[in-house]
Amino acid sequence: KARMDDYLSRRKAKQPLEYPSAGSTFKRPEGYFAGALIEECNLKGASVGGAQVSTKHAGFVINTGGATCKDVLDLCKKVSDTVKAQKGVELEMEIRVTE
């Protein structure tokens, strides 16, 4: 029980669990951490509509209210394009989009 409580408190401290999200948004590129690359590109807090790069953990795209699928996808494209341009690293989506 104590171990589980410790795990949950560490998770709450590091992940934006107070907002809806699809979890980790991008796969970890070999040799890098997606969240760190996104943060280094000053994209924490960047938003499109109701979708926002979490200010708590840049590896998460959260719904701050009313985000559409298009908002999330447009923000993910903005993030990937910026990381590719500034860091030369291609981010691959971890979330899957179905039609």
PDB file of N, CA and C in Angstrom:
ATOM      1  N   LYS A   1       0.833  -1.206   0.000  1.00  0.00           N
ATOM      2  CA  LYS A   1       0.000   0.000   0.000  1.00  0.00           C
ATOM      3  C   LYS A   1       0.870   1.259   0.000  1.00  0.00           C
ATOM      4  N   ALA A   2       1.884   1.295   0.835  1.00  0.00           N
ATOM      5  CA  ALA A   2       2.754   2.472   0.910  1.00  0.00           C
ATOM      6  C   ALA A   2       3.505   2.670  -0.407  1.00  0.00           C
ATOM      7  N   ARG A   3       3.928   1.567  -1.010  1.00  0.00           N
ATOM      8  CA  ARG A   3       4.632   1.643  -2.289  1.00  0.00           C
ATOM      9  C   ARG A   3       3.721   2.205  -3.384  1.00  0.00           C
ATOM     10  N   MET A   4       2.488   1.752  -3.387  1.00  0.00           N
ATOM     11  CA  MET A   4       1.520   2.223  -4.373  1.00  0.00           C
ATOM     12  C   MET A   4       1.210   3.708  -4.161  1.00  0.00           C
ATOM     13  N   ASP A   5       1.037   4.122  -2.919  1.00  0.00           N
ATOM     14  CA  ASP A   5       0.794   5.534  -2.607  1.00  0.00           C
ATOM     15  C   ASP A   5       1.966   6.398  -3.066  1.00  0.00           C
ATOM     16  N   ASP A   6       3.186   5.909  -2.849  1.00  0.00           N
ATOM     17  CA  ASP A   6       4.383   6.632  -3.267  1.00  0.00           C
ATOM     18  C   ASP A   6       4.407   6.779  -4.792  1.00  0.00           C
ATOM     19  N   TYR A   7       4.109   5.692  -5.485  1.00  0.00           N
ATOM     20  CA  TYR A   7       4.070   5.710  -6.948  1.00  0.00           C
ATOM     21  C   TYR A   7       3.037   6.724  -7.445  1.00  0.00           C
ATOM     22  N   LEU A   8       1.836   6.689  -6.876  1.00  0.00           N
ATOM     23  CA  LEU A   8       0.775   7.606  -7.298  1.00  0.00           C
ATOM     24  C   LEU A   8       1.126   9.061  -7.026  1.00  0.00           C
ATOM     25  N   SER A   9       1.751   9.338  -5.894  1.00  0.00           N
ATOM     26  CA  SER A   9       2.098  10.727  -5.583  1.00  0.00           C
ATOM     27  C   SER A   9       3.202  11.227  -6.515  1.00  0.00           C
ATOM     28  N   ARG A  10       4.163  10.370  -6.870  1.00  0.00           N
ATOM     29  CA  ARG A  10       5.200  10.771  -7.825  1.00  0.00           C
ATOM     30  C   ARG A  10       4.595  11.007  -9.207  1.00  0.00           C
ATOM     31  N   ARG A  11       3.654  10.164  -9.588  1.00  0.00           N
ATOM     32  CA  ARG A  11       2.988  10.302 -10.887  1.00  0.00           C
ATOM     33  C   ARG A  11       2.188  11.615 -10.936  1.00  0.00           C
ATOM     34  N   LYS A  12       1.452  11.912  -9.874  1.00  0.00           N
ATOM     35  CA  LYS A  12       0.673  13.156  -9.817  1.00  0.00           C
ATOM     36  C   LYS A  12       1.574  14.384  -9.871  1.00  0.00           C
ATOM     37  N   ALA A  13       2.761  14.288  -9.276  1.00  0.00           N
ATOM     38  CA  ALA A  13       3.684  15.420  -9.261  1.00  0.00           C
ATOM     39  C   ALA A  13       4.293  15.680 -10.635  1.00  0.00           C
ATOM     40  N   LYS A  14       4.438  14.635 -11.444  1.00  0.00           N
ATOM     41  CA  LYS A  14       5.140  14.771 -12.719  1.00  0.00           C
ATOM     42  C   LYS A  14       4.237  14.802 -13.944  1.00  0.00           C
ATOM     43  N   GLN A  15       3.020  14.313 -13.824  1.00  0.00           N
ATOM     44  CA  GLN A  15       2.136  14.224 -14.984  1.00  0.00           C
ATOM     45  C   GLN A  15       0.880  15.066 -14.775  1.00  0.00           C
ATOM     46  N   PRO A  16       0.345  15.623 -15.862  1.00  0.00           N
ATOM     47  CA  PRO A  16      -0.826  16.506 -15.762  1.00  0.00           C
ATOM     48  C   PRO A  16      -2.133  15.720 -15.629  1.00  0.00           C
ATOM     49  N   LEU A  17      -2.285  15.017 -14.536  1.00  0.00           N
ATOM     50  CA  LEU A  17      -3.450  14.155 -14.352  1.00  0.00           C
ATOM     51  C   LEU A  17      -4.734  14.934 -14.082  1.00  0.00           C
ATOM     52  N   GLU A  18      -4.614  16.230 -13.826  1.00  0.00           N
ATOM     53  CA  GLU A  18      -5.801  17.040 -13.538  1.00  0.00           C
ATOM     54  C   GLU A  18      -6.540  17.465 -14.808  1.00  0.00           C
ATOM     55  N   TYR A  19      -5.964  17.168 -15.979  1.00  0.00           N
ATOM     56  CA  TYR A  19      -6.597  17.490 -17.266  1.00  0.00           C
ATOM     57  C   TYR A  19      -6.777  16.226 -18.094  1.00  0.00           C
ATOM     58  N   PRO A  20      -7.808  16.196 -18.939  1.00  0.00           N
ATOM     59  CA  PRO A  20      -7.942  15.060 -19.858  1.00  0.00           C
ATOM     60  C   PRO A  20      -6.795  15.081 -20.879  1.00  0.00           C
ATOM     61  N   SER A  21      -6.281  13.911 -21.188  1.00  0.00           N
ATOM     62  CA  SER A  21      -5.253  13.784 -22.225  1.00  0.00           C
ATOM     63  C   SER A  21      -5.252  12.343 -22.716  1.00  0.00           C
ATOM     64  N   ALA A  22      -4.508  12.109 -23.780  1.00  0.00           N
ATOM     65  CA  ALA A  22      -4.369  10.739 -24.292  1.00  0.00           C
ATOM     66  C   ALA A  22      -3.094  10.110 -23.747  1.00  0.00           C
ATOM     67  N   GLY A  23      -2.527  10.708 -22.720  1.00  0.00           N
ATOM     68  CA  GLY A  23      -1.277  10.194 -22.149  1.00  0.00           C
ATOM     69  C   GLY A  23      -0.083  10.764 -22.892  1.00  0.00           C
ATOM     70  N   SER A  24       1.011  10.049 -22.849  1.00  0.00           N
ATOM     71  CA  SER A  24       2.229  10.481 -23.525  1.00  0.00           C
ATOM     72  C   SER A  24       1.941  10.624 -25.020  1.00  0.00           C
ATOM     73  N   THR A  25       2.240  11.775 -25.591  1.00  0.00           N
ATOM     74  CA  THR A  25       1.828  12.088 -26.956  1.00  0.00           C
ATOM     75  C   THR A  25       2.799  11.587 -28.020  1.00  0.00           C
ATOM     76  N   PHE A  26       4.098  11.669 -27.737  1.00  0.00           N
ATOM     77  CA  PHE A  26       5.106  11.277 -28.716  1.00  0.00           C
ATOM     78  C   PHE A  26       5.959  10.127 -28.195  1.00  0.00           C
ATOM     79  N   LYS A  27       6.378   9.257 -29.122  1.00  0.00           N
ATOM     80  CA  LYS A  27       7.288   8.166 -28.762  1.00  0.00           C
ATOM     81  C   LYS A  27       8.644   8.759 -28.416  1.00  0.00           C
ATOM     82  N   ARG A  28       9.416   8.011 -27.651  1.00  0.00           N
ATOM     83  CA  ARG A  28      10.747   8.469 -27.269  1.00  0.00           C
ATOM     84  C   ARG A  28      11.708   8.235 -28.437  1.00  0.00           C
ATOM     85  N   PRO A  29      12.242   9.331 -29.023  1.00  0.00           N
ATOM     86  CA  PRO A  29      13.211   9.141 -30.103  1.00  0.00           C
ATOM     87  C   PRO A  29      14.508   8.571 -29.517  1.00  0.00           C
ATOM     88  N   GLU A  30      15.157   7.699 -30.264  1.00  0.00           N
ATOM     89  CA  GLU A  30      16.367   7.055 -29.750  1.00  0.00           C
ATOM     90  C   GLU A  30      17.397   8.097 -29.317  1.00  0.00           C
ATOM     91  N   GLY A  31      17.837   7.972 -28.066  1.00  0.00           N
ATOM     92  CA  GLY A  31      18.845   8.876 -27.530  1.00  0.00           C
ATOM     93  C   GLY A  31      18.306  10.177 -26.962  1.00  0.00           C
ATOM     94  N   TYR A  32      17.005  10.361 -26.985  1.00  0.00           N
ATOM     95  CA  TYR A  32      16.390  11.611 -26.518  1.00  0.00           C
ATOM     96  C   TYR A  32      15.147  11.317 -25.685  1.00  0.00           C
ATOM     97  N   PHE A  33      14.652  12.356 -25.038  1.00  0.00           N
ATOM     98  CA  PHE A  33      13.343  12.321 -24.392  1.00  0.00           C
ATOM     99  C   PHE A  33      12.486  13.360 -25.108  1.00  0.00           C
ATOM    100  N   ALA A  34      11.333  12.938 -25.612  1.00  0.00           N
ATOM    101  CA  ALA A  34      10.469  13.849 -26.365  1.00  0.00           C
ATOM    102  C   ALA A  34      10.120  15.089 -25.538  1.00  0.00           C
ATOM    103  N   GLY A  35       9.738  14.886 -24.277  1.00  0.00           N
ATOM    104  CA  GLY A  35       9.355  16.011 -23.428  1.00  0.00           C
ATOM    105  C   GLY A  35      10.470  17.032 -23.268  1.00  0.00           C
ATOM    106  N   ALA A  36      11.706  16.547 -23.135  1.00  0.00           N
ATOM    107  CA  ALA A  36      12.849  17.455 -22.977  1.00  0.00           C
ATOM    108  C   ALA A  36      13.085  18.248 -24.263  1.00  0.00           C
ATOM    109  N   LEU A  37      12.986  17.587 -25.416  1.00  0.00           N
ATOM    110  CA  LEU A  37      13.155  18.289 -26.697  1.00  0.00           C
ATOM    111  C   LEU A  37      12.089  19.372 -26.864  1.00  0.00           C
ATOM    112  N   ILE A  38      10.865  19.027 -26.527  1.00  0.00           N
ATOM    113  CA  ILE A  38       9.747  19.971 -26.652  1.00  0.00           C
ATOM    114  C   ILE A  38       9.967  21.165 -25.724  1.00  0.00           C
ATOM    115  N   GLU A  39      10.413  20.883 -24.513  1.00  0.00           N
ATOM    116  CA  GLU A  39      10.685  21.955 -23.550  1.00  0.00           C
ATOM    117  C   GLU A  39      11.839  22.835 -24.028  1.00  0.00           C
ATOM    118  N   GLU A  40      12.900  22.219 -24.567  1.00  0.00           N
ATOM    119  CA  GLU A  40      14.047  22.987 -25.074  1.00  0.00           C
ATOM    120  C   GLU A  40      13.652  23.911 -26.224  1.00  0.00           C
ATOM    121  N   CYS A  41      12.590  23.567 -26.928  1.00  0.00           N
ATOM    122  CA  CYS A  41      12.085  24.410 -28.025  1.00  0.00           C
ATOM    123  C   CYS A  41      11.083  25.447 -27.517  1.00  0.00           C
ATOM    124  N   ASN A  42      10.987  25.590 -26.195  1.00  0.00           N
ATOM    125  CA  ASN A  42      10.091  26.574 -25.560  1.00  0.00           C
ATOM    126  C   ASN A  42       8.631  26.397 -25.953  1.00  0.00           C
ATOM    127  N   LEU A  43       8.187  25.140 -26.028  1.00  0.00           N
ATOM    128  CA  LEU A  43       6.807  24.867 -26.421  1.00  0.00           C
ATOM    129  C   LEU A  43       5.892  24.521 -25.251  1.00  0.00           C
ATOM    130  N   LYS A  44       6.425  24.488 -24.028  1.00  0.00           N
ATOM    131  CA  LYS A  44       5.550  24.252 -22.873  1.00  0.00           C
ATOM    132  C   LYS A  44       4.506  25.358 -22.848  1.00  0.00           C
ATOM    133  N   GLY A  45       3.239  24.985 -22.756  1.00  0.00           N
ATOM    134  CA  GLY A  45       2.171  25.979 -22.715  1.00  0.00           C
ATOM    135  C   GLY A  45       1.656  26.397 -24.081  1.00  0.00           C
ATOM    136  N   ALA A  46       2.331  25.977 -25.162  1.00  0.00           N
ATOM    137  CA  ALA A  46       1.845  26.306 -26.514  1.00  0.00           C
ATOM    138  C   ALA A  46       0.468  25.685 -26.695  1.00  0.00           C
ATOM    139  N   SER A  47      -0.405  26.377 -27.425  1.00  0.00           N
ATOM    140  CA  SER A  47      -1.757  25.839 -27.567  1.00  0.00           C
ATOM    141  C   SER A  47      -2.346  26.122 -28.938  1.00  0.00           C
ATOM    142  N   VAL A  48      -3.305  25.296 -29.280  1.00  0.00           N
ATOM    143  CA  VAL A  48      -4.150  25.479 -30.460  1.00  0.00           C
ATOM    144  C   VAL A  48      -5.556  25.165 -29.978  1.00  0.00           C
ATOM    145  N   GLY A  49      -6.451  26.149 -30.034  1.00  0.00           N
ATOM    146  CA  GLY A  49      -7.795  25.945 -29.496  1.00  0.00           C
ATOM    147  C   GLY A  49      -7.701  25.529 -28.035  1.00  0.00           C
ATOM    148  N   GLY A  50      -8.400  24.453 -27.677  1.00  0.00           N
ATOM    149  CA  GLY A  50      -8.377  23.970 -26.294  1.00  0.00           C
ATOM    150  C   GLY A  50      -7.285  22.957 -26.007  1.00  0.00           C
ATOM    151  N   ALA A  51      -6.423  22.677 -26.999  1.00  0.00           N
ATOM    152  CA  ALA A  51      -5.309  21.735 -26.805  1.00  0.00           C
ATOM    153  C   ALA A  51      -4.066  22.517 -26.402  1.00  0.00           C
ATOM    154  N   GLN A  52      -3.344  21.996 -25.414  1.00  0.00           N
ATOM    155  CA  GLN A  52      -2.166  22.703 -24.912  1.00  0.00           C
ATOM    156  C   GLN A  52      -1.063  21.714 -24.561  1.00  0.00           C
ATOM    157  N   VAL A  53       0.187  22.100 -24.850  1.00  0.00           N
ATOM    158  CA  VAL A  53       1.329  21.331 -24.363  1.00  0.00           C
ATOM    159  C   VAL A  53       1.375  21.595 -22.863  1.00  0.00           C
ATOM    160  N   SER A  54       1.337  20.537 -22.080  1.00  0.00           N
ATOM    161  CA  SER A  54       1.283  20.683 -20.628  1.00  0.00           C
ATOM    162  C   SER A  54       2.466  21.490 -20.100  1.00  0.00           C
ATOM    163  N   THR A  55       2.185  22.374 -19.155  1.00  0.00           N
ATOM    164  CA  THR A  55       3.255  23.127 -18.500  1.00  0.00           C
ATOM    165  C   THR A  55       3.913  22.288 -17.410  1.00  0.00           C
ATOM    166  N   LYS A  56       3.271  21.187 -17.030  1.00  0.00           N
ATOM    167  CA  LYS A  56       3.831  20.289 -16.017  1.00  0.00           C
ATOM    168  C   LYS A  56       4.792  19.283 -16.647  1.00  0.00           C
ATOM    169  N   HIS A  57       4.434  18.735 -17.810  1.00  0.00           N
ATOM    170  CA  HIS A  57       5.258  17.744 -18.516  1.00  0.00           C
ATOM    171  C   HIS A  57       5.032  17.943 -20.006  1.00  0.00           C
ATOM    172  N   ALA A  58       6.045  18.439 -20.704  1.00  0.00           N
ATOM    173  CA  ALA A  58       5.907  18.803 -22.119  1.00  0.00           C
ATOM    174  C   ALA A  58       5.628  17.615 -23.038  1.00  0.00           C
ATOM    175  N   GLY A  59       5.736  16.402 -22.542  1.00  0.00           N
ATOM    176  CA  GLY A  59       5.438  15.225 -23.353  1.00  0.00           C
ATOM    177  C   GLY A  59       3.952  14.922 -23.455  1.00  0.00           C
ATOM    178  N   PHE A  60       3.133  15.723 -22.798  1.00  0.00           N
ATOM    179  CA  PHE A  60       1.684  15.510 -22.795  1.00  0.00           C
ATOM    180  C   PHE A  60       0.972  16.677 -23.463  1.00  0.00           C
ATOM    181  N   VAL A  61      -0.008  16.372 -24.308  1.00  0.00           N
ATOM    182  CA  VAL A  61      -0.921  17.387 -24.833  1.00  0.00           C
ATOM    183  C   VAL A  61      -2.215  17.206 -24.057  1.00  0.00           C
ATOM    184  N   ILE A  62      -2.664  18.271 -23.424  1.00  0.00           N
ATOM    185  CA  ILE A  62      -3.847  18.204 -22.571  1.00  0.00           C
ATOM    186  C   ILE A  62      -5.006  18.974 -23.196  1.00  0.00           C
ATOM    187  N   ASN A  63      -6.198  18.674 -22.713  1.00  0.00           N
ATOM    188  CA  ASN A  63      -7.408  19.377 -23.133  1.00  0.00           C
ATOM    189  C   ASN A  63      -7.778  20.336 -22.010  1.00  0.00           C
ATOM    190  N   THR A  64      -7.575  21.632 -22.254  1.00  0.00           N
ATOM    191  CA  THR A  64      -7.890  22.625 -21.225  1.00  0.00           C
ATOM    192  C   THR A  64      -9.354  23.029 -21.261  1.00  0.00           C
ATOM    193  N   GLY A  65     -10.077  22.469 -22.230  1.00  0.00           N
ATOM    194  CA  GLY A  65     -11.509  22.736 -22.345  1.00  0.00           C
ATOM    195  C   GLY A  65     -11.927  22.929 -23.787  1.00  0.00           C
ATOM    196  N   GLY A  66     -12.729  22.023 -24.273  1.00  0.00           N
ATOM    197  CA  GLY A  66     -13.289  22.154 -25.607  1.00  0.00           C
ATOM    198  C   GLY A  66     -12.360  21.832 -26.762  1.00  0.00           C
ATOM    199  N   ALA A  67     -11.237  21.190 -26.504  1.00  0.00           N
ATOM    200  CA  ALA A  67     -10.314  20.847 -27.595  1.00  0.00           C
ATOM    201  C   ALA A  67     -10.966  19.856 -28.547  1.00  0.00           C
ATOM    202  N   THR A  68     -10.770  20.084 -29.824  1.00  0.00           N
ATOM    203  CA  THR A  68     -11.249  19.149 -30.839  1.00  0.00           C
ATOM    204  C   THR A  68     -10.079  18.271 -31.275  1.00  0.00           C
ATOM    205  N   CYS A  69     -10.397  17.214 -31.996  1.00  0.00           N
ATOM    206  CA  CYS A  69      -9.351  16.355 -32.550  1.00  0.00           C
ATOM    207  C   CYS A  69      -8.434  17.190 -33.446  1.00  0.00           C
ATOM    208  N   LYS A  70      -9.021  18.091 -34.222  1.00  0.00           N
ATOM    209  CA  LYS A  70      -8.226  18.960 -35.106  1.00  0.00           C
ATOM    210  C   LYS A  70      -7.275  19.837 -34.300  1.00  0.00           C
ATOM    211  N   ASP A  71      -7.731  20.377 -33.172  1.00  0.00           N
ATOM    212  CA  ASP A  71      -6.856  21.183 -32.305  1.00  0.00           C
ATOM    213  C   ASP A  71      -5.641  20.362 -31.876  1.00  0.00           C
ATOM    214  N   VAL A  72      -5.894  19.143 -31.415  1.00  0.00           N
ATOM    215  CA  VAL A  72      -4.812  18.279 -30.928  1.00  0.00           C
ATOM    216  C   VAL A  72      -3.844  17.956 -32.065  1.00  0.00           C
ATOM    217  N   LEU A  73      -4.374  17.560 -33.217  1.00  0.00           N
ATOM    218  CA  LEU A  73      -3.511  17.207 -34.349  1.00  0.00           C
ATOM    219  C   LEU A  73      -2.730  18.410 -34.866  1.00  0.00           C
ATOM    220  N   ASP A  74      -3.365  19.573 -34.922  1.00  0.00           N
ATOM    221  CA  ASP A  74      -2.663  20.787 -35.362  1.00  0.00           C
ATOM    222  C   ASP A  74      -1.543  21.151 -34.389  1.00  0.00           C
ATOM    223  N   LEU A  75      -1.805  21.020 -33.096  1.00  0.00           N
ATOM    224  CA  LEU A  75      -0.776  21.310 -32.097  1.00  0.00           C
ATOM    225  C   LEU A  75       0.371  20.302 -32.207  1.00  0.00           C
ATOM    226  N   CYS A  76       0.047  19.035 -32.380  1.00  0.00           N
ATOM    227  CA  CYS A  76       1.090  18.009 -32.522  1.00  0.00           C
ATOM    228  C   CYS A  76       1.956  18.287 -33.743  1.00  0.00           C
ATOM    229  N   LYS A  77       1.346  18.725 -34.830  1.00  0.00           N
ATOM    230  CA  LYS A  77       2.117  19.063 -36.041  1.00  0.00           C
ATOM    231  C   LYS A  77       3.023  20.259 -35.774  1.00  0.00           C
ATOM    232  N   LYS A  78       2.491  21.260 -35.093  1.00  0.00           N
ATOM    233  CA  LYS A  78       3.289  22.445 -34.746  1.00  0.00           C
ATOM    234  C   LYS A  78       4.496  22.034 -33.896  1.00  0.00           C
ATOM    235  N   VAL A  79       4.265  21.170 -32.917  1.00  0.00           N
ATOM    236  CA  VAL A  79       5.337  20.697 -32.035  1.00  0.00           C
ATOM    237  C   VAL A  79       6.371  19.913 -32.839  1.00  0.00           C
ATOM    238  N   SER A  80       5.912  18.932 -33.644  1.00  0.00           N
ATOM    239  CA  SER A  80       6.868  18.112 -34.407  1.00  0.00           C
ATOM    240  C   SER A  80       7.663  18.946 -35.393  1.00  0.00           C
ATOM    241  N   ASP A  81       6.996  19.870 -36.081  1.00  0.00           N
ATOM    242  CA  ASP A  81       7.693  20.724 -37.047  1.00  0.00           C
ATOM    243  C   ASP A  81       8.747  21.590 -36.362  1.00  0.00           C
ATOM    244  N   THR A  82       8.403  22.141 -35.201  1.00  0.00           N
ATOM    245  CA  THR A  82       9.338  23.001 -34.470  1.00  0.00           C
ATOM    246  C   THR A  82      10.536  22.203 -33.969  1.00  0.00           C
ATOM    247  N   VAL A  83      10.294  21.030 -33.393  1.00  0.00           N
ATOM    248  CA  VAL A  83      11.389  20.187 -32.886  1.00  0.00           C
ATOM    249  C   VAL A  83      12.292  19.762 -34.045  1.00  0.00           C
ATOM    250  N   LYS A  84      11.708  19.397 -35.171  1.00  0.00           N
ATOM    251  CA  LYS A  84      12.494  18.997 -36.355  1.00  0.00           C
ATOM    252  C   LYS A  84      13.360  20.164 -36.827  1.00  0.00           C
ATOM    253  N   ALA A  85      12.777  21.364 -36.901  1.00  0.00           N
ATOM    254  CA  ALA A  85      13.504  22.547 -37.378  1.00  0.00           C
ATOM    255  C   ALA A  85      14.610  22.974 -36.415  1.00  0.00           C
ATOM    256  N   GLN A  86      14.325  22.942 -35.109  1.00  0.00           N
ATOM    257  CA  GLN A  86      15.291  23.445 -34.130  1.00  0.00           C
ATOM    258  C   GLN A  86      16.296  22.402 -33.660  1.00  0.00           C
ATOM    259  N   LYS A  87      15.881  21.146 -33.593  1.00  0.00           N
ATOM    260  CA  LYS A  87      16.740  20.102 -33.019  1.00  0.00           C
ATOM    261  C   LYS A  87      17.164  19.035 -34.025  1.00  0.00           C
ATOM    262  N   GLY A  88      16.518  19.012 -35.194  1.00  0.00           N
ATOM    263  CA  GLY A  88      16.849  18.004 -36.193  1.00  0.00           C
ATOM    264  C   GLY A  88      16.377  16.607 -35.836  1.00  0.00           C
ATOM    265  N   VAL A  89      15.430  16.522 -34.910  1.00  0.00           N
ATOM    266  CA  VAL A  89      14.912  15.224 -34.456  1.00  0.00           C
ATOM    267  C   VAL A  89      13.450  15.122 -34.868  1.00  0.00           C
ATOM    268  N   GLU A  90      13.101  13.987 -35.455  1.00  0.00           N
ATOM    269  CA  GLU A  90      11.723  13.766 -35.873  1.00  0.00           C
ATOM    270  C   GLU A  90      10.951  13.070 -34.755  1.00  0.00           C
ATOM    271  N   LEU A  91       9.854  13.675 -34.347  1.00  0.00           N
ATOM    272  CA  LEU A  91       9.006  13.070 -33.321  1.00  0.00           C
ATOM    273  C   LEU A  91       7.917  12.244 -33.986  1.00  0.00           C
ATOM    274  N   GLU A  92       7.700  11.065 -33.442  1.00  0.00           N
ATOM    275  CA  GLU A  92       6.648  10.185 -33.952  1.00  0.00           C
ATOM    276  C   GLU A  92       5.529  10.132 -32.918  1.00  0.00           C
ATOM    277  N   MET A  93       4.307  10.269 -33.392  1.00  0.00           N
ATOM    278  CA  MET A  93       3.151  10.246 -32.489  1.00  0.00           C
ATOM    279  C   MET A  93       3.036   8.888 -31.807  1.00  0.00           C
ATOM    280  N   GLU A  94       2.773   8.928 -30.522  1.00  0.00           N
ATOM    281  CA  GLU A  94       2.499   7.695 -29.785  1.00  0.00           C
ATOM    282  C   GLU A  94       1.002   7.403 -29.792  1.00  0.00           C
ATOM    283  N   ILE A  95       0.214   8.469 -29.824  1.00  0.00           N
ATOM    284  CA  ILE A  95      -1.234   8.282 -29.875  1.00  0.00           C
ATOM    285  C   ILE A  95      -1.629   7.896 -31.295  1.00  0.00           C
ATOM    286  N   ARG A  96      -2.664   7.086 -31.392  1.00  0.00           N
ATOM    287  CA  ARG A  96      -3.151   6.662 -32.698  1.00  0.00           C
ATOM    288  C   ARG A  96      -4.462   7.363 -32.988  1.00  0.00           C
ATOM    289  N   VAL A  97      -4.610   7.796 -34.224  1.00  0.00           N
ATOM    290  CA  VAL A  97      -5.824   8.482 -34.644  1.00  0.00           C
ATOM    291  C   VAL A  97      -6.560   7.570 -35.615  1.00  0.00           C
ATOM    292  N   THR A  98      -7.825   7.328 -35.326  1.00  0.00           N
ATOM    293  CA  THR A  98      -8.639   6.513 -36.225  1.00  0.00           C
ATOM    294  C   THR A  98      -9.734   7.385 -36.817  1.00  0.00           C
ATOM    295  N   GLU A  99     -10.206   6.991 -37.948  1.00  0.00           N
ATOM    296  CA  GLU A  99     -11.264   7.784 -38.593  1.00  0.00           C
ATOM    297  C   GLU A  99     -12.586   7.082 -38.511  1.00  0.00           C
TER     298      GLU A  99
END
